[in-house]
Structures are given as structure tokens and as C-alpha cells.
Amino acid sequence: MSRVKVASFGMSIDGFSAGPRQSLEDPLGVGGTSLMAWFFPTRTFQQAHGDGRGESGIDDDFAARGFANVGAWILGRNMFGPVRGP
């Protein structure tokens, strides 16, 4: 039987995972990228985007665990932008 693992999902302590008013200019909503500000400087993120430098430490350890043993990513249509309709 298949299993689904939810990993690498950022959420604020009050339960938000995106900002309000999502648009093409703000695909994660207004201020949405600030929810992931801890992740962008990590070595894990930087390596995924071709830099390879980035910071190590507890944030990078946590980020790396989110990518461990992943066979496939299932992304929703609205994952990176305000795509609506058929």
C-alpha cells in the first residue's frame, strides 16, 4: 500500500502558510515569503538553486530532513501562483 508523507511545508505558529491577496506579483500572498525567510539562507535551499554555499545549523538540518527519502513531489496547481479555473 502506498503512503503519503507531508514534508517541507512551512506554516506560521498561528496556522498561516501564505499571505493574503495572492496575485501574480505576490504568488505566496502579500508578505508570504516572510514565512519562509528562515529557509532561503540554508545550504539546502542554496544548493537546490545552484549556489551551494548557504548556512548550516539547525535551520539547515530541519530543511534537509524535509528533502530526505523523497521519491516524488506532488504539487497542486495553485502551489506557486494564483492559477484558477479550468
Protein backbone atom coordinates (compact mmCIF):
# COMPACT_ATOMS: atom_id res chain seq x y z
CA MET A 1 0.00 0.00 0.00
CA SER A 2 1.24 3.50 -0.83
CA ARG A 3 2.00 6.08 1.83
CA VAL A 4 1.89 9.83 1.65
CA LYS A 5 4.37 11.90 3.64
CA VAL A 6 3.83 15.61 4.15
CA ALA A 7 7.20 17.36 4.41
CA SER A 8 8.71 20.75 3.71
CA PHE A 9 5.50 22.60 4.48
CA GLY A 10 6.00 25.99 6.10
CA MET A 11 3.39 27.35 8.46
CA SER A 12 3.31 30.20 10.96
CA ILE A 13 2.59 29.46 14.59
CA ASP A 14 -0.93 30.84 14.12
CA GLY A 15 -1.65 28.49 11.20
CA PHE A 16 -0.95 30.50 8.06
CA SER A 17 1.04 29.09 5.14
CA ALA A 18 0.57 32.04 2.76
CA GLY A 19 -0.17 35.72 2.93
CA PRO A 20 -3.41 37.42 1.89
CA ARG A 21 -4.24 38.68 -1.60
CA GLN A 22 -2.33 36.17 -3.71
CA SER A 23 -1.54 37.55 -7.17
CA LEU A 24 0.95 37.17 -9.99
CA GLU A 25 3.12 39.80 -8.28
CA ASP A 26 2.83 38.04 -4.89
CA PRO A 27 2.44 34.29 -5.64
CA LEU A 28 2.64 33.44 -1.92
CA GLY A 29 0.37 36.34 -1.00
CA VAL A 30 1.41 39.72 0.39
CA GLY A 31 4.21 39.03 2.87
CA GLY A 32 4.03 35.29 2.19
CA THR A 33 7.75 34.91 1.52
CA SER A 34 8.47 36.15 5.04
CA LEU A 35 7.00 32.87 6.34
CA MET A 36 9.93 31.07 4.70
CA ALA A 37 12.65 33.65 5.45
CA TRP A 38 14.42 31.10 7.68
CA PHE A 39 14.68 28.64 4.75
CA PHE A 40 16.16 30.81 1.98
CA PRO A 41 19.65 31.22 3.52
CA THR A 42 20.07 27.49 4.29
CA ARG A 43 22.62 25.37 2.46
CA THR A 44 19.78 23.02 1.41
CA PHE A 45 17.89 25.83 -0.37
CA GLN A 46 21.04 27.36 -1.84
CA GLN A 47 22.23 24.01 -3.24
CA ALA A 48 18.82 23.40 -4.83
CA HIS A 49 19.17 26.75 -6.60
CA GLY A 50 22.71 26.30 -7.85
CA ASP A 51 24.66 28.31 -5.29
CA GLY A 52 25.85 25.62 -2.89
CA ARG A 53 27.09 27.98 -0.23
CA GLY A 54 24.38 28.86 2.28
CA GLU A 55 24.23 28.49 6.04
CA SER A 56 24.48 25.32 8.07
CA GLY A 57 22.96 24.84 11.51
CA ILE A 58 19.59 23.86 12.94
CA ASP A 59 17.56 25.50 10.16
CA ASP A 60 19.56 23.68 7.50
CA ASP A 61 19.28 20.39 9.42
CA PHE A 62 15.50 20.79 9.51
CA ALA A 63 15.34 21.76 5.82
CA ALA A 64 17.49 18.79 4.78
CA ARG A 65 15.22 16.37 6.66
CA GLY A 66 12.29 17.66 4.62
CA PHE A 67 14.01 16.53 1.42
CA ALA A 68 15.30 13.15 2.66
CA ASN A 69 13.89 9.98 1.07
CA VAL A 70 11.52 11.80 -1.27
CA GLY A 71 10.60 9.75 -4.32
CA ALA A 72 8.34 12.35 -5.95
CA TRP A 73 6.86 15.77 -5.25
CA ILE A 74 3.13 16.21 -5.73
CA LEU A 75 2.37 19.88 -6.29
CA GLY A 76 -1.05 21.44 -6.55
CA ARG A 77 -1.99 23.73 -9.38
CA ASN A 78 -2.05 26.70 -7.05
CA MET A 79 1.33 25.93 -5.45
CA PHE A 80 3.29 28.85 -6.89
CA GLY A 81 0.75 31.24 -8.27
CA PRO A 82 -2.86 32.27 -8.41
CA VAL A 83 -3.97 29.87 -11.16
CA ARG A 84 -7.75 29.48 -11.10
CA GLY A 85 -10.39 27.98 -13.34
CA PRO A 86 -10.38 25.03 -15.79
